[in-house]
Amino acid sequence: MSFLETTLLGAIAGVTIYLGLPVGRVQRIDERVRVGLAMFSAGILAFIFMDVTSHAESIIQTTLGQFKHGHASFGHVIWLFALLAAGFMLGTAGIAAAERRLMPARRAAATPIAGAAVGGVVTAEEVDRLHAEGALARAHALRTGMTIAVAIGLHNFAEGLAIGVSARAGAIGLATVLIIGFALHNATEGFGIVGPLGGVRPSWRWLGLAGLVGGGPTFVGAMVGFQVHSAPLELGFYALAGGAILYVVGEIWAAVRRYGHRELGLYLLAGGFLLGVATDLIVSYGGG
């Protein structure tokens, strides 16, 4: 498989993320549906978190096995673990710190699934205050959605690396199955981006950017993986993705608890997780 064919198929695997994004434009969503969609997306993200952390751990375990048999130094093992720790901390606490600096005056009422109607407005001052809070909640929701897109993009870059490495090694069958599996898996990730938006209706431009941020790295990763294979590079992106996803899942859970429908949310959480497992089985079937 040539470099051009690899990059083209990597792009196909990444572009399927746009299949789920238009859901964010649907209006008049019932509160139960809003909570269910948010928790469904959290289930998908929970699977991705499990996936990236297991891949990151396997990289360190491989190096640990090499050290055990005298083929690697203990310092190299420590270096990889430090890289994992730094990437994970940057993806969790780093994002939280950056968000606090970007919007230091964010109110507690602003949540990623904001958008419910509020009654009892009787004064002009209260109208202005509610408009300001609504704008703040919208900005926070869109920023949370884009944070999810970034986390998914980091994960998809590592997946693209796997496609590129397989194609370069001549494992055409494996590369093809990886592309099909990742394409199906990426199609579900669009729901993960727009699920927490709730009543906030993003623009088509925002959706286009979110798809590019989340799906584009699959294409870039395939190009990089075809040219260079670097375990530390792959580990770093897995660590960043895992930390960012854990942060976002915590944000979604904190917001959804305020809306109730706990049992429905947990069912949808399980459904999203199982859908992620089902799509990943296609990759496993091909030996990925």
Protein backbone atom coordinates (compact mmCIF):
# COMPACT_ATOMS: atom_id res chain seq x y z
CA MET A 1 0.00 0.00 0.00
CA SER A 2 1.49 3.33 -1.09
CA PHE A 3 1.79 6.50 0.98
CA LEU A 4 -0.94 8.18 -1.10
CA GLU A 5 -3.34 5.24 -0.64
CA THR A 6 -2.64 5.16 3.08
CA THR A 7 -3.35 8.87 3.54
CA LEU A 8 -6.52 8.63 1.44
CA LEU A 9 -7.89 5.72 3.47
CA GLY A 10 -6.85 7.45 6.70
CA ALA A 11 -8.94 10.43 5.60
CA ILE A 12 -11.92 8.16 4.92
CA ALA A 13 -11.59 6.65 8.42
CA GLY A 14 -11.54 10.12 9.96
CA VAL A 15 -14.33 11.81 7.98
CA THR A 16 -17.00 9.43 9.31
CA ILE A 17 -17.03 11.46 12.53
CA TYR A 18 -19.28 13.90 10.66
CA LEU A 19 -22.09 11.29 10.54
CA GLY A 20 -23.07 11.91 14.17
CA LEU A 21 -22.42 15.65 14.40
CA PRO A 22 -25.66 16.92 12.74
CA VAL A 23 -27.62 15.63 15.77
CA GLY A 24 -26.39 18.76 17.52
CA ARG A 25 -28.59 20.87 15.23
CA VAL A 26 -31.83 19.12 16.26
CA GLN A 27 -34.12 21.50 18.16
CA ARG A 28 -36.90 20.96 20.72
CA ILE A 29 -35.21 18.05 22.47
CA ASP A 30 -37.01 16.77 25.57
CA GLU A 31 -35.05 16.97 28.82
CA ARG A 32 -34.99 13.17 29.15
CA VAL A 33 -33.60 12.87 25.62
CA ARG A 34 -31.04 15.56 26.43
CA VAL A 35 -29.83 13.69 29.52
CA GLY A 36 -29.87 10.37 27.66
CA LEU A 37 -27.80 11.74 24.78
CA ALA A 38 -25.29 13.29 27.18
CA MET A 39 -24.88 10.02 29.09
CA PHE A 40 -24.74 8.00 25.85
CA SER A 41 -21.84 10.19 24.75
CA ALA A 42 -20.22 9.72 28.18
CA GLY A 43 -20.45 5.95 27.65
CA ILE A 44 -18.64 6.25 24.32
CA LEU A 45 -16.00 8.42 25.96
CA ALA A 46 -15.66 5.91 28.82
CA PHE A 47 -14.86 3.19 26.30
CA ILE A 48 -12.33 5.43 24.54
CA PHE A 49 -10.73 6.14 27.93
CA MET A 50 -10.39 2.42 28.60
CA ASP A 51 -9.03 1.89 25.09
CA VAL A 52 -6.35 4.59 25.23
CA THR A 53 -5.18 3.74 28.74
CA SER A 54 -4.84 0.04 27.86
CA HIS A 55 -2.80 0.93 24.76
CA ALA A 56 -0.59 3.27 26.79
CA GLU A 57 -0.03 0.64 29.45
CA SER A 58 0.83 -1.99 26.83
CA ILE A 59 3.61 0.26 25.47
CA ILE A 60 5.18 0.51 28.93
CA GLN A 61 4.66 -3.21 29.58
CA THR A 62 6.50 -4.04 26.34
CA THR A 63 9.47 -1.93 27.41
CA LEU A 64 9.32 -3.46 30.90
CA GLY A 65 9.51 -6.92 29.31
CA GLN A 66 12.53 -5.82 27.29
CA PHE A 67 14.18 -4.58 30.49
CA LYS A 68 13.44 -7.90 32.19
CA HIS A 69 15.30 -9.74 29.43
CA GLY A 70 18.17 -7.26 29.32
CA HIS A 71 17.20 -5.50 26.08
CA ALA A 72 16.29 -2.10 27.59
CA SER A 73 17.42 0.04 30.50
CA PHE A 74 15.39 0.73 33.62
CA GLY A 75 15.83 4.43 32.92
CA HIS A 76 13.90 4.00 29.66
CA VAL A 77 11.02 2.40 31.56
CA ILE A 78 11.01 5.31 34.02
CA TRP A 79 11.11 7.81 31.14
CA LEU A 80 8.03 6.26 29.51
CA PHE A 81 6.13 6.20 32.80
CA ALA A 82 7.05 9.85 33.42
CA LEU A 83 5.80 10.68 29.91
CA LEU A 84 2.53 8.89 30.68
CA ALA A 85 2.14 10.75 33.98
CA ALA A 86 2.93 14.15 32.45
CA GLY A 87 0.56 13.65 29.53
CA PHE A 88 -2.25 12.43 31.77
CA MET A 89 -1.85 15.30 34.23
CA LEU A 90 -1.74 17.81 31.39
CA GLY A 91 -4.94 16.33 29.97
CA THR A 92 -6.84 16.59 33.27
CA ALA A 93 -5.56 19.31 35.59
CA GLY A 94 -4.04 21.21 32.66
CA ILE A 95 -7.37 21.54 30.87
CA ALA A 96 -9.13 22.53 34.10
CA ALA A 97 -6.53 25.25 34.76
CA ALA A 98 -6.73 26.54 31.19
CA GLU A 99 -10.52 26.66 31.33
CA ARG A 100 -10.44 28.58 34.60
CA ARG A 101 -8.12 31.17 33.11
CA LEU A 102 -10.19 31.48 29.93
CA MET A 103 -13.38 32.12 31.89
CA PRO A 104 -12.57 33.06 35.51
CA ALA A 105 -16.05 34.50 36.16
CA ARG A 106 -17.95 31.39 35.11
CA ARG A 107 -20.97 30.87 37.33
CA ALA A 108 -21.88 27.59 38.93
CA ALA A 109 -25.14 27.51 37.00
CA ALA A 110 -23.37 27.15 33.67
CA THR A 111 -23.37 23.48 32.71
CA PRO A 112 -22.54 21.58 29.51
CA ILE A 113 -26.17 20.57 29.01
CA ALA A 114 -27.68 24.00 29.66
CA GLY A 115 -30.66 25.27 27.73
CA ALA A 116 -33.77 24.56 29.77
CA ALA A 117 -36.47 27.21 29.96
CA VAL A 118 -36.74 29.42 33.05
CA GLY A 119 -39.94 31.09 34.15
CA GLY A 120 -40.86 33.86 36.56
CA VAL A 121 -38.95 36.72 34.91
CA VAL A 122 -40.56 39.98 36.03
CA THR A 123 -37.95 42.74 35.79
CA ALA A 124 -35.66 44.11 33.08
CA GLU A 125 -32.64 43.52 35.33
CA GLU A 126 -33.54 39.85 35.71
CA VAL A 127 -34.04 39.54 31.95
CA ASP A 128 -30.57 40.97 31.36
CA ARG A 129 -29.09 38.69 33.99
CA LEU A 130 -30.72 35.60 32.47
CA HIS A 131 -29.51 36.58 29.01
CA ALA A 132 -25.98 36.97 30.36
CA GLU A 133 -26.17 33.61 32.13
CA GLY A 134 -27.57 32.01 28.99
CA ALA A 135 -24.68 33.36 26.91
CA LEU A 136 -22.24 32.12 29.55
CA ALA A 137 -23.83 28.67 29.59
CA ARG A 138 -23.76 28.51 25.78
CA ALA A 139 -20.09 29.48 25.68
CA HIS A 140 -19.27 26.86 28.32
CA ALA A 141 -21.24 24.15 26.50
CA LEU A 142 -19.53 24.85 23.18
CA ARG A 143 -16.13 24.93 24.88
CA THR A 144 -16.85 21.58 26.55
CA GLY A 145 -17.88 20.10 23.19
CA MET A 146 -14.68 21.35 21.57
CA THR A 147 -12.64 19.94 24.46
CA ILE A 148 -14.22 16.56 23.71
CA ALA A 149 -13.30 16.99 20.04
CA VAL A 150 -9.68 17.71 21.00
CA ALA A 151 -9.53 14.64 23.27
CA ILE A 152 -11.03 12.46 20.55
CA GLY A 153 -8.60 13.97 18.05
CA LEU A 154 -5.63 12.95 20.21
CA HIS A 155 -7.04 9.45 20.40
CA ASN A 156 -7.65 9.32 16.65
CA PHE A 157 -4.11 10.51 15.91
CA ALA A 158 -2.83 7.42 17.72
CA GLU A 159 -5.28 5.28 15.73
CA GLY A 160 -4.01 6.87 12.52
CA LEU A 161 -0.47 5.95 13.57
CA ALA A 162 -1.58 2.30 13.77
CA ILE A 163 -3.01 2.50 10.23
CA GLY A 164 0.17 4.04 8.84
CA VAL A 165 2.51 1.60 10.59
CA SER A 166 0.50 -1.42 9.37
CA ALA A 167 0.42 -0.14 5.80
CA ARG A 168 4.17 0.59 5.80
CA ALA A 169 4.89 -2.91 7.15
CA GLY A 170 2.96 -4.42 4.23
CA ALA A 171 0.12 -5.77 6.42
CA ILE A 172 -2.51 -4.73 3.88
CA GLY A 173 -5.28 -6.89 5.34
CA LEU A 174 -4.69 -5.57 8.82
CA ALA A 175 -4.51 -1.96 7.62
CA THR A 176 -7.78 -2.38 5.71
CA VAL A 177 -9.61 -3.85 8.70
CA LEU A 178 -8.19 -1.13 10.93
CA ILE A 179 -9.53 1.52 8.55
CA ILE A 180 -13.00 -0.09 8.44
CA GLY A 181 -13.07 -0.53 12.21
CA PHE A 182 -11.87 2.98 12.95
CA ALA A 183 -14.31 4.44 10.41
CA LEU A 184 -17.25 2.75 12.18
CA HIS A 185 -15.88 3.73 15.58
CA ASN A 186 -15.33 7.35 14.55
CA ALA A 187 -18.93 7.54 13.33
CA THR A 188 -20.06 7.11 16.96
CA GLU A 189 -17.65 9.77 18.21
CA GLY A 190 -19.71 12.54 16.63
CA PHE A 191 -22.42 11.78 19.21
CA GLY A 192 -19.78 12.07 21.92
CA ILE A 193 -19.01 15.63 20.85
CA VAL A 194 -22.57 16.98 20.56
CA GLY A 195 -24.22 14.94 23.32
CA PRO A 196 -23.26 17.26 26.20
CA LEU A 197 -24.44 20.38 24.35
CA GLY A 198 -28.05 19.72 25.34
CA GLY A 199 -30.25 22.69 24.44
CA VAL A 200 -27.35 24.63 22.88
CA ARG A 201 -27.64 24.52 19.09
CA PRO A 202 -24.20 24.86 17.47
CA SER A 203 -23.67 26.48 14.08
CA TRP A 204 -22.71 24.44 11.02
CA ARG A 205 -19.35 26.19 11.12
CA TRP A 206 -18.77 25.02 14.71
CA LEU A 207 -19.74 21.46 13.75
CA GLY A 208 -17.40 21.57 10.78
CA LEU A 209 -14.53 22.71 12.98
CA ALA A 210 -15.32 20.11 15.66
CA GLY A 211 -15.30 17.37 13.02
CA LEU A 212 -11.97 18.59 11.67
CA VAL A 213 -10.45 18.71 15.16
CA GLY A 214 -11.79 15.26 16.09
CA GLY A 215 -11.49 13.37 12.80
CA GLY A 216 -8.64 15.14 11.01
CA PRO A 217 -5.89 13.67 13.24
CA THR A 218 -6.73 10.18 11.91
CA PHE A 219 -5.61 11.40 8.49
CA VAL A 220 -2.51 13.13 9.90
CA GLY A 221 -1.64 10.12 12.07
CA ALA A 222 -1.81 7.78 9.07
CA MET A 223 0.71 9.95 7.22
CA VAL A 224 3.04 10.17 10.23
CA GLY A 225 2.75 6.45 11.01
CA PHE A 226 3.65 5.54 7.43
CA GLN A 227 6.86 7.55 7.70
CA VAL A 228 7.89 7.20 11.35
CA HIS A 229 7.10 4.78 14.17
CA SER A 230 7.74 6.17 17.65
CA ALA A 231 6.47 4.48 20.80
CA PRO A 232 7.03 7.59 22.98
CA LEU A 233 5.07 9.73 20.49
CA GLU A 234 2.18 7.26 20.52
CA LEU A 235 2.30 7.00 24.32
CA GLY A 236 2.24 10.79 24.70
CA PHE A 237 -0.90 11.15 22.60
CA TYR A 238 -2.61 8.28 24.42
CA ALA A 239 -1.80 9.89 27.78
CA LEU A 240 -3.09 13.31 26.72
CA ALA A 241 -6.25 11.77 25.29
CA GLY A 242 -6.90 9.69 28.41
CA GLY A 243 -6.52 12.65 30.74
CA ALA A 244 -8.71 14.93 28.64
CA ILE A 245 -11.45 12.30 28.29
CA LEU A 246 -11.48 11.64 32.04
CA TYR A 247 -11.88 15.37 32.67
CA VAL A 248 -14.76 15.68 30.20
CA VAL A 249 -16.61 12.62 31.54
CA GLY A 250 -16.43 14.17 35.02
CA GLU A 251 -17.88 17.43 33.68
CA ILE A 252 -20.75 15.61 31.94
CA TRP A 253 -21.57 13.54 35.03
CA ALA A 254 -21.57 16.58 37.32
CA ALA A 255 -23.97 18.41 35.00
CA VAL A 256 -26.34 15.51 34.36
CA ARG A 257 -26.83 14.80 38.08
CA ARG A 258 -28.58 18.17 38.42
CA TYR A 259 -31.25 17.13 35.93
CA GLY A 260 -32.26 13.80 37.44
CA HIS A 261 -33.31 10.80 35.27
CA ARG A 262 -30.46 8.86 36.87
CA GLU A 263 -31.66 5.38 35.87
CA LEU A 264 -32.22 6.37 32.23
CA GLY A 265 -28.80 8.02 32.15
CA LEU A 266 -27.07 4.92 33.47
CA TYR A 267 -28.79 2.72 30.86
CA LEU A 268 -27.62 5.05 28.12
CA LEU A 269 -24.15 5.22 29.64
CA ALA A 270 -23.93 1.43 29.40
CA GLY A 271 -25.34 1.54 25.85
CA GLY A 272 -22.70 4.03 24.69
CA PHE A 273 -19.92 1.97 26.27
CA LEU A 274 -21.16 -1.26 24.67
CA LEU A 275 -21.44 0.41 21.27
CA GLY A 276 -17.80 1.42 21.57
CA VAL A 277 -16.86 -2.16 22.45
CA ALA A 278 -18.87 -3.53 19.51
CA THR A 279 -17.17 -1.30 16.95
CA ASP A 280 -13.75 -2.03 18.42
CA LEU A 281 -14.33 -5.78 18.03
CA ILE A 282 -14.08 -5.33 14.26
CA VAL A 283 -10.55 -4.04 14.73
CA SER A 284 -9.73 -6.94 17.07
CA TYR A 285 -11.13 -9.42 14.55
CA GLY A 286 -8.58 -8.19 12.03
CA GLY A 287 -5.77 -8.61 14.50
CA GLY A 288 -5.42 -4.92 15.49
